[in-house]
Amino acid sequence: MNPSILDSNSRTKYWETVSSLLNSGQYVFLAMVAEHTLHSPGTTGAKLLVAKERDPVGTIGGGIMEYNLVKRANDILENGSFSPEIHTLSHQKYGDGEKSGMICAGKQTNLHYLCHPEKDGKTVDRIIHYLNQNQSALLSISPSGMDVREQKHDGNKAQIELSKDEHNWIYEEQLQNFKRIALMGGGHCSLALSRVMSQLSYDVCVFDTRDNVSTVGENKYANSVQILNDYRDAAEKINYPELTQVVVMTTDVDSDVRGLLGVLNHPFPFIGIMGSEAKISEIKKRLKNEGISKDKLSKITAPVGIPMVSNTPEEIAISVAAQILQIRNQDSI
């Protein structure tokens, strides 16, 4: 078994694969991680699908746990009858709970669902529609089946929630991606960071004021690349600012300042600047002259990235990505 790990467009590709199989008349077994604890190999939101005569797509953590699940899924596909279920597994050799066969610590709750061509085909097509249109919608799965409906994004709720009691359960997933990053500047460092964040399943938006730069044209990793007359206008074009990390990495101090003047008036959870100490000092001086308060200046992370000797665009990208992941993980504890 060699499931392919889903990339930055994983959700759409995953559901498009499900749709294609359903349209051919096949049943499709779905597994999703509905909950996980620290150190679990499967993380909330991870997905796997199993169908006849093809390799599995995605992963819910791998190892013997996934090997056994795929074997069971193939038996279920042969039978063609299955009731949706949730299944909690412990990744420890000893202690309470059903064991997964893995000893990496933590536990996870997996949701198992068998998609029927007639019953679920239209629902899956609606999921794809919402994802392609970048519309907010809520996917729900329960013992009674799967449904999706348009719903306004709710930033006060987690992207994925599993509610359960003794008698029932429901899995809810906001289809809007909560992992988002906006990059001011489309140069080599931006291209490298776009690639890394895309591989981490972030929606990536890049802004630049130049339309004739090779790295802008080469950026196939960003979900969108927008050419502006003024970096200050970028903030207004960013959807879901409360979810979006911002990294300013333009070609010059003036452009950095223009971009920051826009984003500092919005609720972005992270604002980082790339540059030397001298450059950052000059940027902050100009922002103060523009009337930016100390409180707003304190929101800036500068220089962006974890401390390391980062010289190449690729090294800088790893440094910045690591810092963003570090902060995200601290916030989730």
C-alpha atoms as a PDB file:
ATOM      1  CA  MET A   1       0.000   0.000   0.000  1.00  0.00           C
ATOM      2  CA  ASN A   2       1.413   3.390  -0.980  1.00  0.00           C
ATOM      3  CA  PRO A   3      -1.216   6.115  -0.516  1.00  0.00           C
ATOM      4  CA  SER A   4      -0.350   9.462  -2.024  1.00  0.00           C
ATOM      5  CA  ILE A   5      -0.226  12.288   0.520  1.00  0.00           C
ATOM      6  CA  LEU A   6      -2.561  15.114  -0.479  1.00  0.00           C
ATOM      7  CA  ASP A   7      -0.997  18.406  -1.644  1.00  0.00           C
ATOM      8  CA  SER A   8      -2.144  22.010  -1.350  1.00  0.00           C
ATOM      9  CA  ASN A   9      -5.159  21.421  -3.570  1.00  0.00           C
ATOM     10  CA  SER A  10      -5.875  18.206  -1.690  1.00  0.00           C
ATOM     11  CA  ARG A  11      -9.454  18.866  -0.702  1.00  0.00           C
ATOM     12  CA  THR A  12     -10.626  19.604  -4.232  1.00  0.00           C
ATOM     13  CA  LYS A  13      -8.594  16.772  -5.785  1.00  0.00           C
ATOM     14  CA  TYR A  14      -9.772  14.372  -3.100  1.00  0.00           C
ATOM     15  CA  TRP A  15     -13.444  15.117  -3.711  1.00  0.00           C
ATOM     16  CA  GLU A  16     -12.976  15.182  -7.487  1.00  0.00           C
ATOM     17  CA  THR A  17     -11.565  11.663  -7.254  1.00  0.00           C
ATOM     18  CA  VAL A  18     -14.554  10.611  -5.167  1.00  0.00           C
ATOM     19  CA  SER A  19     -16.916  12.157  -7.736  1.00  0.00           C
ATOM     20  CA  SER A  20     -15.198  10.470 -10.667  1.00  0.00           C
ATOM     21  CA  LEU A  21     -15.468   7.066  -8.996  1.00  0.00           C
ATOM     22  CA  LEU A  22     -19.111   7.596  -8.033  1.00  0.00           C
ATOM     23  CA  ASN A  23     -19.939   8.679 -11.595  1.00  0.00           C
ATOM     24  CA  SER A  24     -18.471   5.407 -12.845  1.00  0.00           C
ATOM     25  CA  GLY A  25     -20.882   3.548 -10.575  1.00  0.00           C
ATOM     26  CA  GLN A  26     -18.367   2.586  -7.893  1.00  0.00           C
ATOM     27  CA  TYR A  27     -18.760   2.687  -4.158  1.00  0.00           C
ATOM     28  CA  VAL A  28     -16.071   4.690  -2.332  1.00  0.00           C
ATOM     29  CA  PHE A  29     -14.932   4.139   1.237  1.00  0.00           C
ATOM     30  CA  LEU A  30     -13.954   7.362   3.008  1.00  0.00           C
ATOM     31  CA  ALA A  31     -11.904   7.702   6.182  1.00  0.00           C
ATOM     32  CA  MET A  32     -11.368  11.067   7.888  1.00  0.00           C
ATOM     33  CA  VAL A  33      -9.580  12.007  11.093  1.00  0.00           C
ATOM     34  CA  ALA A  34     -12.294  13.726  13.121  1.00  0.00           C
ATOM     35  CA  GLU A  35     -10.186  14.343  16.252  1.00  0.00           C
ATOM     36  CA  HIS A  36      -6.621  13.803  17.381  1.00  0.00           C
ATOM     37  CA  THR A  37      -4.422  14.446  20.392  1.00  0.00           C
ATOM     38  CA  LEU A  38      -0.777  15.511  20.578  1.00  0.00           C
ATOM     39  CA  HIS A  39       1.720  13.145  18.878  1.00  0.00           C
ATOM     40  CA  SER A  40      -0.968  11.237  16.966  1.00  0.00           C
ATOM     41  CA  PRO A  41       0.252  10.323  13.444  1.00  0.00           C
ATOM     42  CA  GLY A  42      -3.143  11.210  12.015  1.00  0.00           C
ATOM     43  CA  THR A  43      -4.176  14.852  12.366  1.00  0.00           C
ATOM     44  CA  THR A  44      -7.680  16.299  12.351  1.00  0.00           C
ATOM     45  CA  GLY A  45      -8.874  16.792   8.781  1.00  0.00           C
ATOM     46  CA  ALA A  46      -6.614  14.167   7.185  1.00  0.00           C
ATOM     47  CA  LYS A  47      -8.461  12.038   4.648  1.00  0.00           C
ATOM     48  CA  LEU A  48      -8.135   8.692   2.894  1.00  0.00           C
ATOM     49  CA  LEU A  49     -10.276   7.080   0.220  1.00  0.00           C
ATOM     50  CA  VAL A  50     -10.358   3.458  -0.869  1.00  0.00           C
ATOM     51  CA  ALA A  51     -11.995   2.108  -4.031  1.00  0.00           C
ATOM     52  CA  LYS A  52     -11.747  -1.111  -5.980  1.00  0.00           C
ATOM     53  CA  GLU A  53      -8.838  -1.702  -8.349  1.00  0.00           C
ATOM     54  CA  ARG A  54      -6.910   1.473  -7.558  1.00  0.00           C
ATOM     55  CA  ASP A  55      -4.376   2.680  -5.014  1.00  0.00           C
ATOM     56  CA  PRO A  56      -5.729   4.471  -1.939  1.00  0.00           C
ATOM     57  CA  VAL A  57      -5.604   8.263  -2.068  1.00  0.00           C
ATOM     58  CA  GLY A  58      -4.509  10.294   0.950  1.00  0.00           C
ATOM     59  CA  THR A  59      -3.571   9.100   4.427  1.00  0.00           C
ATOM     60  CA  ILE A  60      -4.933   9.139   7.977  1.00  0.00           C
ATOM     61  CA  GLY A  61      -1.571   8.411   9.608  1.00  0.00           C
ATOM     62  CA  GLY A  62      -0.119   5.368   7.901  1.00  0.00           C
ATOM     63  CA  GLY A  63       1.428   2.334   9.566  1.00  0.00           C
ATOM     64  CA  ILE A  64      -0.338  -0.838  10.622  1.00  0.00           C
ATOM     65  CA  MET A  65      -3.457   1.175  11.534  1.00  0.00           C
ATOM     66  CA  GLU A  66      -3.951   2.319   7.962  1.00  0.00           C
ATOM     67  CA  TYR A  67      -2.929  -1.058   6.507  1.00  0.00           C
ATOM     68  CA  ASN A  68      -5.639  -2.786   8.547  1.00  0.00           C
ATOM     69  CA  LEU A  69      -8.218  -0.145   7.669  1.00  0.00           C
ATOM     70  CA  VAL A  70      -7.565  -0.494   3.938  1.00  0.00           C
ATOM     71  CA  LYS A  71      -8.017  -4.286   4.225  1.00  0.00           C
ATOM     72  CA  ARG A  72     -11.291  -3.735   6.068  1.00  0.00           C
ATOM     73  CA  ALA A  73     -12.398  -1.118   3.537  1.00  0.00           C
ATOM     74  CA  ASN A  74     -11.889  -3.556   0.676  1.00  0.00           C
ATOM     75  CA  ASP A  75     -14.098  -6.093   2.479  1.00  0.00           C
ATOM     76  CA  ILE A  76     -16.759  -3.418   2.979  1.00  0.00           C
ATOM     77  CA  LEU A  77     -16.587  -2.467  -0.712  1.00  0.00           C
ATOM     78  CA  GLU A  78     -17.152  -6.105  -1.649  1.00  0.00           C
ATOM     79  CA  ASN A  79     -20.192  -6.246   0.618  1.00  0.00           C
ATOM     80  CA  GLY A  80     -21.600  -2.854  -0.466  1.00  0.00           C
ATOM     81  CA  SER A  81     -23.394  -2.265   2.832  1.00  0.00           C
ATOM     82  CA  PHE A  82     -22.070  -0.212   5.748  1.00  0.00           C
ATOM     83  CA  SER A  83     -23.344   2.222   8.374  1.00  0.00           C
ATOM     84  CA  PRO A  84     -21.295   5.373   9.082  1.00  0.00           C
ATOM     85  CA  GLU A  85     -19.204   5.086  12.242  1.00  0.00           C
ATOM     86  CA  ILE A  86     -16.560   6.790  14.351  1.00  0.00           C
ATOM     87  CA  HIS A  87     -13.674   4.755  15.725  1.00  0.00           C
ATOM     88  CA  THR A  88     -11.225   5.933  18.415  1.00  0.00           C
ATOM     89  CA  LEU A  89      -7.777   4.322  18.516  1.00  0.00           C
ATOM     90  CA  SER A  90      -4.930   4.687  21.008  1.00  0.00           C
ATOM     91  CA  HIS A  91      -1.371   4.751  19.679  1.00  0.00           C
ATOM     92  CA  GLN A  92       0.143   3.268  22.815  1.00  0.00           C
ATOM     93  CA  LYS A  93       1.178  -0.246  23.744  1.00  0.00           C
ATOM     94  CA  TYR A  94      -0.390  -0.052  27.198  1.00  0.00           C
ATOM     95  CA  GLY A  95      -3.242   1.795  28.857  1.00  0.00           C
ATOM     96  CA  ASP A  96      -6.932   2.253  28.207  1.00  0.00           C
ATOM     97  CA  GLY A  97      -8.692   2.203  24.869  1.00  0.00           C
ATOM     98  CA  GLU A  98      -8.580   0.162  21.695  1.00  0.00           C
ATOM     99  CA  LYS A  99      -5.052  -0.058  20.322  1.00  0.00           C
ATOM    100  CA  SER A 100      -4.093   0.953  16.775  1.00  0.00           C
ATOM    101  CA  GLY A 101      -0.989  -1.257  16.702  1.00  0.00           C
ATOM    102  CA  MET A 102       1.225   1.837  16.659  1.00  0.00           C
ATOM    103  CA  ILE A 103       3.171   3.128  19.688  1.00  0.00           C
ATOM    104  CA  CYS A 104       3.885   6.752  18.726  1.00  0.00           C
ATOM    105  CA  ALA A 105       1.595   8.116  21.507  1.00  0.00           C
ATOM    106  CA  GLY A 106      -1.647  10.033  21.375  1.00  0.00           C
ATOM    107  CA  LYS A 107      -4.945   8.897  19.978  1.00  0.00           C
ATOM    108  CA  GLN A 108      -7.254   9.740  17.113  1.00  0.00           C
ATOM    109  CA  THR A 109     -10.888   9.311  16.208  1.00  0.00           C
ATOM    110  CA  ASN A 110     -11.514   8.251  12.618  1.00  0.00           C
ATOM    111  CA  LEU A 111     -14.777   8.638  10.756  1.00  0.00           C
ATOM    112  CA  HIS A 112     -15.663   5.892   8.281  1.00  0.00           C
ATOM    113  CA  TYR A 113     -18.263   6.421   5.553  1.00  0.00           C
ATOM    114  CA  LEU A 114     -19.266   4.444   2.474  1.00  0.00           C
ATOM    115  CA  CYS A 115     -20.272   6.690  -0.441  1.00  0.00           C
ATOM    116  CA  HIS A 116     -23.073   5.370  -2.674  1.00  0.00           C
ATOM    117  CA  PRO A 117     -23.254   6.586  -6.294  1.00  0.00           C
ATOM    118  CA  GLU A 118     -26.991   7.280  -6.207  1.00  0.00           C
ATOM    119  CA  LYS A 119     -27.258   8.629  -2.673  1.00  0.00           C
ATOM    120  CA  ASP A 120     -24.097  10.729  -2.408  1.00  0.00           C
ATOM    121  CA  GLY A 121     -23.130  11.732  -5.955  1.00  0.00           C
ATOM    122  CA  LYS A 122     -24.947  15.068  -5.971  1.00  0.00           C
ATOM    123  CA  THR A 123     -23.709  15.952  -2.492  1.00  0.00           C
ATOM    124  CA  VAL A 124     -20.101  15.358  -3.527  1.00  0.00           C
ATOM    125  CA  ASP A 125     -20.606  17.485  -6.645  1.00  0.00           C
ATOM    126  CA  ARG A 126     -21.890  20.326  -4.430  1.00  0.00           C
ATOM    127  CA  ILE A 127     -18.800  20.005  -2.232  1.00  0.00           C
ATOM    128  CA  ILE A 128     -16.603  20.420  -5.317  1.00  0.00           C
ATOM    129  CA  HIS A 129     -18.655  23.421  -6.448  1.00  0.00           C
ATOM    130  CA  TYR A 130     -18.185  25.216  -3.115  1.00  0.00           C
ATOM    131  CA  LEU A 131     -14.451  24.463  -3.094  1.00  0.00           C
ATOM    132  CA  ASN A 132     -13.941  25.635  -6.679  1.00  0.00           C
ATOM    133  CA  GLN A 133     -15.910  28.825  -6.055  1.00  0.00           C
ATOM    134  CA  ASN A 134     -14.092  29.420  -2.754  1.00  0.00           C
ATOM    135  CA  GLN A 135     -17.470  29.702  -1.058  1.00  0.00           C
ATOM    136  CA  SER A 136     -18.068  29.100   2.622  1.00  0.00           C
ATOM    137  CA  ALA A 137     -20.034  25.919   3.209  1.00  0.00           C
ATOM    138  CA  LEU A 138     -20.537  23.324   5.928  1.00  0.00           C
ATOM    139  CA  LEU A 139     -20.047  19.602   5.308  1.00  0.00           C
ATOM    140  CA  SER A 140     -21.782  17.378   7.843  1.00  0.00           C
ATOM    141  CA  ILE A 141     -21.632  13.588   8.240  1.00  0.00           C
ATOM    142  CA  SER A 142     -23.648  11.609  10.758  1.00  0.00           C
ATOM    143  CA  PRO A 143     -25.109   8.094  11.028  1.00  0.00           C
ATOM    144  CA  SER A 144     -27.979   9.327   8.848  1.00  0.00           C
ATOM    145  CA  GLY A 145     -25.712  10.329   5.945  1.00  0.00           C
ATOM    146  CA  MET A 146     -23.713  13.150   4.369  1.00  0.00           C
ATOM    147  CA  ASP A 147     -24.895  16.665   3.531  1.00  0.00           C
ATOM    148  CA  VAL A 148     -23.407  20.016   2.546  1.00  0.00           C
ATOM    149  CA  ARG A 149     -24.969  23.449   2.602  1.00  0.00           C
ATOM    150  CA  GLU A 150     -23.837  27.000   2.038  1.00  0.00           C
ATOM    151  CA  GLN A 151     -23.092  28.722   5.311  1.00  0.00           C
ATOM    152  CA  LYS A 152     -21.297  31.894   6.308  1.00  0.00           C
ATOM    153  CA  HIS A 153     -17.802  31.339   7.634  1.00  0.00           C
ATOM    154  CA  ASP A 154     -17.779  31.116  11.427  1.00  0.00           C
ATOM    155  CA  GLY A 155     -14.387  32.182  12.778  1.00  0.00           C
ATOM    156  CA  ASN A 156     -15.463  31.420  16.352  1.00  0.00           C
ATOM    157  CA  LYS A 157     -15.645  27.702  15.623  1.00  0.00           C
ATOM    158  CA  ALA A 158     -12.890  25.278  14.706  1.00  0.00           C
ATOM    159  CA  GLN A 159     -12.721  24.266  11.060  1.00  0.00           C
ATOM    160  CA  ILE A 160     -13.565  20.694  12.055  1.00  0.00           C
ATOM    161  CA  GLU A 161     -15.702  19.692  15.018  1.00  0.00           C
ATOM    162  CA  LEU A 162     -16.937  16.297  16.184  1.00  0.00           C
ATOM    163  CA  SER A 163     -19.909  16.345  18.534  1.00  0.00           C
ATOM    164  CA  LYS A 164     -20.923  13.097  20.193  1.00  0.00           C
ATOM    165  CA  ASP A 165     -22.832  11.611  23.098  1.00  0.00           C
ATOM    166  CA  GLU A 166     -23.910   8.108  24.099  1.00  0.00           C
ATOM    167  CA  HIS A 167     -26.457   7.836  21.319  1.00  0.00           C
ATOM    168  CA  ASN A 168     -25.347   9.943  18.372  1.00  0.00           C
ATOM    169  CA  TRP A 169     -22.535  11.894  16.712  1.00  0.00           C
ATOM    170  CA  ILE A 170     -22.048  14.450  13.957  1.00  0.00           C
ATOM    171  CA  TYR A 171     -18.908  15.530  12.109  1.00  0.00           C
ATOM    172  CA  GLU A 172     -18.886  19.105  10.778  1.00  0.00           C
ATOM    173  CA  GLU A 173     -16.245  20.645   8.535  1.00  0.00           C
ATOM    174  CA  GLN A 174     -16.168  24.202   7.258  1.00  0.00           C
ATOM    175  CA  LEU A 175     -14.949  23.790   3.701  1.00  0.00           C
ATOM    176  CA  GLN A 176     -13.230  27.172   3.688  1.00  0.00           C
ATOM    177  CA  ASN A 177      -9.524  26.557   4.283  1.00  0.00           C
ATOM    178  CA  PHE A 178      -8.457  28.032   7.640  1.00  0.00           C
ATOM    179  CA  LYS A 179      -4.745  27.866   6.739  1.00  0.00           C
ATOM    180  CA  ARG A 180      -4.011  31.000   4.713  1.00  0.00           C
ATOM    181  CA  ILE A 181      -1.006  33.199   3.964  1.00  0.00           C
ATOM    182  CA  ALA A 182      -0.546  36.415   1.972  1.00  0.00           C
ATOM    183  CA  LEU A 183       2.873  37.386   0.630  1.00  0.00           C
ATOM    184  CA  MET A 184       3.738  40.984  -0.247  1.00  0.00           C
ATOM    185  CA  GLY A 185       6.274  40.696  -3.041  1.00  0.00           C
ATOM    186  CA  GLY A 186       6.690  38.114  -5.757  1.00  0.00           C
ATOM    187  CA  GLY A 187      10.460  37.616  -5.890  1.00  0.00           C
ATOM    188  CA  HIS A 188      12.612  34.534  -5.353  1.00  0.00           C
ATOM    189  CA  CYS A 189      11.950  34.294  -1.614  1.00  0.00           C
ATOM    190  CA  SER A 190       8.222  34.652  -2.217  1.00  0.00           C
ATOM    191  CA  LEU A 191       8.339  31.886  -4.825  1.00  0.00           C
ATOM    192  CA  ALA A 192      10.193  29.562  -2.437  1.00  0.00           C
ATOM    193  CA  LEU A 193       7.824  30.351   0.449  1.00  0.00           C
ATOM    194  CA  SER A 194       4.796  29.867  -1.814  1.00  0.00           C
ATOM    195  CA  ARG A 195       6.057  26.386  -2.646  1.00  0.00           C
ATOM    196  CA  VAL A 196       6.640  25.426   0.995  1.00  0.00           C
ATOM    197  CA  MET A 197       3.318  26.796   2.279  1.00  0.00           C
ATOM    198  CA  SER A 198       1.426  25.200  -0.588  1.00  0.00           C
ATOM    199  CA  GLN A 199       2.945  21.846   0.370  1.00  0.00           C
ATOM    200  CA  LEU A 200       1.696  22.501   3.898  1.00  0.00           C
ATOM    201  CA  SER A 201      -1.848  22.902   2.475  1.00  0.00           C
ATOM    202  CA  TYR A 202      -2.037  26.675   2.919  1.00  0.00           C
ATOM    203  CA  ASP A 203      -4.010  28.857   0.553  1.00  0.00           C
ATOM    204  CA  VAL A 204      -1.336  31.216  -0.780  1.00  0.00           C
ATOM    205  CA  CYS A 205      -2.009  34.709  -2.133  1.00  0.00           C
ATOM    206  CA  VAL A 206       0.839  36.749  -3.643  1.00  0.00           C
ATOM    207  CA  PHE A 207       0.839  40.494  -4.345  1.00  0.00           C
ATOM    208  CA  ASP A 208       3.293  42.472  -6.446  1.00  0.00           C
ATOM    209  CA  THR A 209       3.384  45.772  -8.300  1.00  0.00           C
ATOM    210  CA  ARG A 210       5.407  44.331 -11.194  1.00  0.00           C
ATOM    211  CA  ASP A 211       3.894  42.243 -13.974  1.00  0.00           C
ATOM    212  CA  ASN A 212       7.095  41.465 -15.857  1.00  0.00           C
ATOM    213  CA  VAL A 213       9.056  39.548 -13.192  1.00  0.00           C
ATOM    214  CA  SER A 214       9.932  35.950 -14.032  1.00  0.00           C
ATOM    215  CA  THR A 215       9.291  34.658 -10.504  1.00  0.00           C
ATOM    216  CA  VAL A 216       5.757  36.034 -10.600  1.00  0.00           C
ATOM    217  CA  GLY A 217       5.041  34.171 -13.817  1.00  0.00           C
ATOM    218  CA  GLU A 218       6.686  31.003 -12.504  1.00  0.00           C
ATOM    219  CA  ASN A 219       4.619  30.902  -9.326  1.00  0.00           C
ATOM    220  CA  LYS A 220       2.326  27.922  -9.895  1.00  0.00           C
ATOM    221  CA  TYR A 221       2.047  27.283  -6.154  1.00  0.00           C
ATOM    222  CA  ALA A 222      -0.006  30.347  -5.201  1.00  0.00           C
ATOM    223  CA  ASN A 223      -3.790  30.135  -5.353  1.00  0.00           C
ATOM    224  CA  SER A 224      -3.768  33.684  -6.685  1.00  0.00           C
ATOM    225  CA  VAL A 225      -1.206  36.240  -7.859  1.00  0.00           C
ATOM    226  CA  GLN A 226      -2.426  39.830  -8.019  1.00  0.00           C
ATOM    227  CA  ILE A 227      -0.664  42.792  -9.609  1.00  0.00           C
ATOM    228  CA  LEU A 228      -1.388  46.113  -7.878  1.00  0.00           C
ATOM    229  CA  ASN A 229      -0.459  49.734  -8.353  1.00  0.00           C
ATOM    230  CA  ASP A 230       0.142  50.181  -4.619  1.00  0.00           C
ATOM    231  CA  TYR A 231       0.963  47.549  -1.966  1.00  0.00           C
ATOM    232  CA  ARG A 232      -1.223  49.457   0.481  1.00  0.00           C
ATOM    233  CA  ASP A 233      -4.260  48.224  -1.475  1.00  0.00           C
ATOM    234  CA  ALA A 234      -3.392  44.558  -0.895  1.00  0.00           C
ATOM    235  CA  ALA A 235      -4.966  44.297   2.560  1.00  0.00           C
ATOM    236  CA  GLU A 236      -8.427  45.117   1.232  1.00  0.00           C
ATOM    237  CA  LYS A 237      -8.164  42.262  -1.273  1.00  0.00           C
ATOM    238  CA  ILE A 238      -7.398  39.557   1.292  1.00  0.00           C
ATOM    239  CA  ASN A 239     -10.363  37.393   2.197  1.00  0.00           C
ATOM    240  CA  TYR A 240     -10.700  36.234   5.808  1.00  0.00           C
ATOM    241  CA  PRO A 241      -8.015  38.499   7.324  1.00  0.00           C
ATOM    242  CA  GLU A 242      -8.619  36.959  10.753  1.00  0.00           C
ATOM    243  CA  LEU A 243      -7.278  33.651   9.361  1.00  0.00           C
ATOM    244  CA  THR A 244      -4.460  34.985   7.194  1.00  0.00           C
ATOM    245  CA  GLN A 245      -0.765  35.199   8.042  1.00  0.00           C
ATOM    246  CA  VAL A 246       1.018  38.055   6.242  1.00  0.00           C
ATOM    247  CA  VAL A 247       4.687  38.134   5.270  1.00  0.00           C
ATOM    248  CA  VAL A 248       6.099  41.320   3.753  1.00  0.00           C
ATOM    249  CA  MET A 249       9.036  40.621   1.453  1.00  0.00           C
ATOM    250  CA  THR A 250       9.078  43.256  -1.278  1.00  0.00           C
ATOM    251  CA  THR A 251      12.122  44.648  -3.075  1.00  0.00           C
ATOM    252  CA  ASP A 252      12.547  47.903  -1.130  1.00  0.00           C
ATOM    253  CA  VAL A 253      11.772  49.812   2.045  1.00  0.00           C
ATOM    254  CA  ASP A 254       9.175  52.074   0.404  1.00  0.00           C
ATOM    255  CA  SER A 255       7.168  49.092  -0.804  1.00  0.00           C
ATOM    256  CA  ASP A 256       7.410  47.339   2.562  1.00  0.00           C
ATOM    257  CA  VAL A 257       6.096  50.455   4.287  1.00  0.00           C
ATOM    258  CA  ARG A 258       3.180  50.785   1.852  1.00  0.00           C
ATOM    259  CA  GLY A 259       2.186  47.171   2.405  1.00  0.00           C
ATOM    260  CA  LEU A 260       2.397  47.498   6.183  1.00  0.00           C
ATOM    261  CA  LEU A 261       0.339  50.693   6.212  1.00  0.00           C
ATOM    262  CA  GLY A 262      -2.472  48.638   4.718  1.00  0.00           C
ATOM    263  CA  VAL A 263      -2.268  45.456   6.782  1.00  0.00           C
ATOM    264  CA  LEU A 264      -1.748  47.078  10.204  1.00  0.00           C
ATOM    265  CA  ASN A 265      -5.353  48.307  10.137  1.00  0.00           C
ATOM    266  CA  HIS A 266      -6.762  44.782   9.803  1.00  0.00           C
ATOM    267  CA  PRO A 267      -7.026  41.817  12.220  1.00  0.00           C
ATOM    268  CA  PHE A 268      -4.279  39.684  10.701  1.00  0.00           C
ATOM    269  CA  PRO A 269      -3.018  37.227  13.366  1.00  0.00           C
ATOM    270  CA  PHE A 270       0.592  37.393  12.155  1.00  0.00           C
ATOM    271  CA  ILE A 271       2.512  40.096  10.307  1.00  0.00           C
ATOM    272  CA  GLY A 272       6.163  39.422   9.537  1.00  0.00           C
ATOM    273  CA  ILE A 273       8.820  41.447   7.715  1.00  0.00           C
ATOM    274  CA  MET A 274      11.839  39.987   5.978  1.00  0.00           C
ATOM    275  CA  GLY A 275      15.032  42.026   6.174  1.00  0.00           C
ATOM    276  CA  SER A 276      18.151  43.045   8.028  1.00  0.00           C
ATOM    277  CA  GLU A 277      18.088  44.897  11.356  1.00  0.00           C
ATOM    278  CA  ALA A 278      19.014  48.140   9.608  1.00  0.00           C
ATOM    279  CA  LYS A 279      16.210  47.753   7.087  1.00  0.00           C
ATOM    280  CA  ILE A 280      13.656  46.890   9.750  1.00  0.00           C
ATOM    281  CA  SER A 281      14.755  49.858  11.872  1.00  0.00           C
ATOM    282  CA  GLU A 282      14.219  52.179   8.914  1.00  0.00           C
ATOM    283  CA  ILE A 283      10.799  50.654   8.186  1.00  0.00           C
ATOM    284  CA  LYS A 284       9.634  51.158  11.781  1.00  0.00           C
ATOM    285  CA  LYS A 285      10.948  54.721  11.781  1.00  0.00           C
ATOM    286  CA  ARG A 286       8.911  55.536   8.666  1.00  0.00           C
ATOM    287  CA  LEU A 287       5.811  53.850  10.086  1.00  0.00           C
ATOM    288  CA  LYS A 288       6.089  56.000  13.221  1.00  0.00           C
ATOM    289  CA  ASN A 289       6.351  59.080  11.022  1.00  0.00           C
ATOM    290  CA  GLU A 290       3.133  57.944   9.340  1.00  0.00           C
ATOM    291  CA  GLY A 291       1.402  57.959  12.727  1.00  0.00           C
ATOM    292  CA  ILE A 292       1.433  54.216  13.432  1.00  0.00           C
ATOM    293  CA  SER A 293       1.161  53.651  17.192  1.00  0.00           C
ATOM    294  CA  LYS A 294       3.527  51.590  19.336  1.00  0.00           C
ATOM    295  CA  ASP A 295       0.682  49.139  19.945  1.00  0.00           C
ATOM    296  CA  LYS A 296       0.298  48.474  16.221  1.00  0.00           C
ATOM    297  CA  LEU A 297       4.062  48.302  15.704  1.00  0.00           C
ATOM    298  CA  SER A 298       4.234  45.630  18.413  1.00  0.00           C
ATOM    299  CA  LYS A 299       2.145  43.360  16.168  1.00  0.00           C
ATOM    300  CA  ILE A 300       5.012  43.112  13.682  1.00  0.00           C
ATOM    301  CA  THR A 301       7.385  40.138  13.822  1.00  0.00           C
ATOM    302  CA  ALA A 302      10.752  41.322  12.549  1.00  0.00           C
ATOM    303  CA  PRO A 303      12.840  39.819  11.232  1.00  0.00           C
ATOM    304  CA  VAL A 304      10.443  37.057  10.247  1.00  0.00           C
ATOM    305  CA  GLY A 305      11.594  33.456  10.600  1.00  0.00           C
ATOM    306  CA  ILE A 306      13.184  31.332  13.303  1.00  0.00           C
ATOM    307  CA  PRO A 307      16.775  32.304  14.163  1.00  0.00           C
ATOM    308  CA  MET A 308      19.141  30.580  11.777  1.00  0.00           C
ATOM    309  CA  VAL A 309      21.685  31.475   9.117  1.00  0.00           C
ATOM    310  CA  SER A 310      19.326  31.706   6.147  1.00  0.00           C
ATOM    311  CA  ASN A 311      20.940  32.828   2.910  1.00  0.00           C
ATOM    312  CA  THR A 312      19.152  31.159   0.015  1.00  0.00           C
ATOM    313  CA  PRO A 313      15.450  31.694  -0.792  1.00  0.00           C
ATOM    314  CA  GLU A 314      14.784  28.066   0.096  1.00  0.00           C
ATOM    315  CA  GLU A 315      16.450  28.395   3.510  1.00  0.00           C
ATOM    316  CA  ILE A 316      14.557  31.600   4.215  1.00  0.00           C
ATOM    317  CA  ALA A 317      11.292  29.891   3.244  1.00  0.00           C
ATOM    318  CA  ILE A 318      11.925  27.004   5.652  1.00  0.00           C
ATOM    319  CA  SER A 319      12.777  29.479   8.418  1.00  0.00           C
ATOM    320  CA  VAL A 320       9.565  31.481   7.919  1.00  0.00           C
ATOM    321  CA  ALA A 321       7.374  28.396   7.541  1.00  0.00           C
ATOM    322  CA  ALA A 322       8.832  26.888  10.709  1.00  0.00           C
ATOM    323  CA  GLN A 323       8.019  30.024  12.691  1.00  0.00           C
ATOM    324  CA  ILE A 324       4.428  30.109  11.437  1.00  0.00           C
ATOM    325  CA  LEU A 325       3.952  26.418  12.284  1.00  0.00           C
ATOM    326  CA  GLN A 326       5.546  26.960  15.697  1.00  0.00           C
ATOM    327  CA  ILE A 327       3.106  29.757  16.522  1.00  0.00           C
ATOM    328  CA  ARG A 328       0.154  27.765  15.176  1.00  0.00           C
ATOM    329  CA  ASN A 329       1.054  24.767  17.322  1.00  0.00           C
ATOM    330  CA  GLN A 330       1.479  26.941  20.429  1.00  0.00           C
ATOM    331  CA  ASP A 331      -1.964  28.437  19.858  1.00  0.00           C
ATOM    332  CA  SER A 332      -3.550  24.976  19.572  1.00  0.00           C
ATOM    333  CA  ILE A 333      -2.133  23.645  22.857  1.00  0.00           C
END
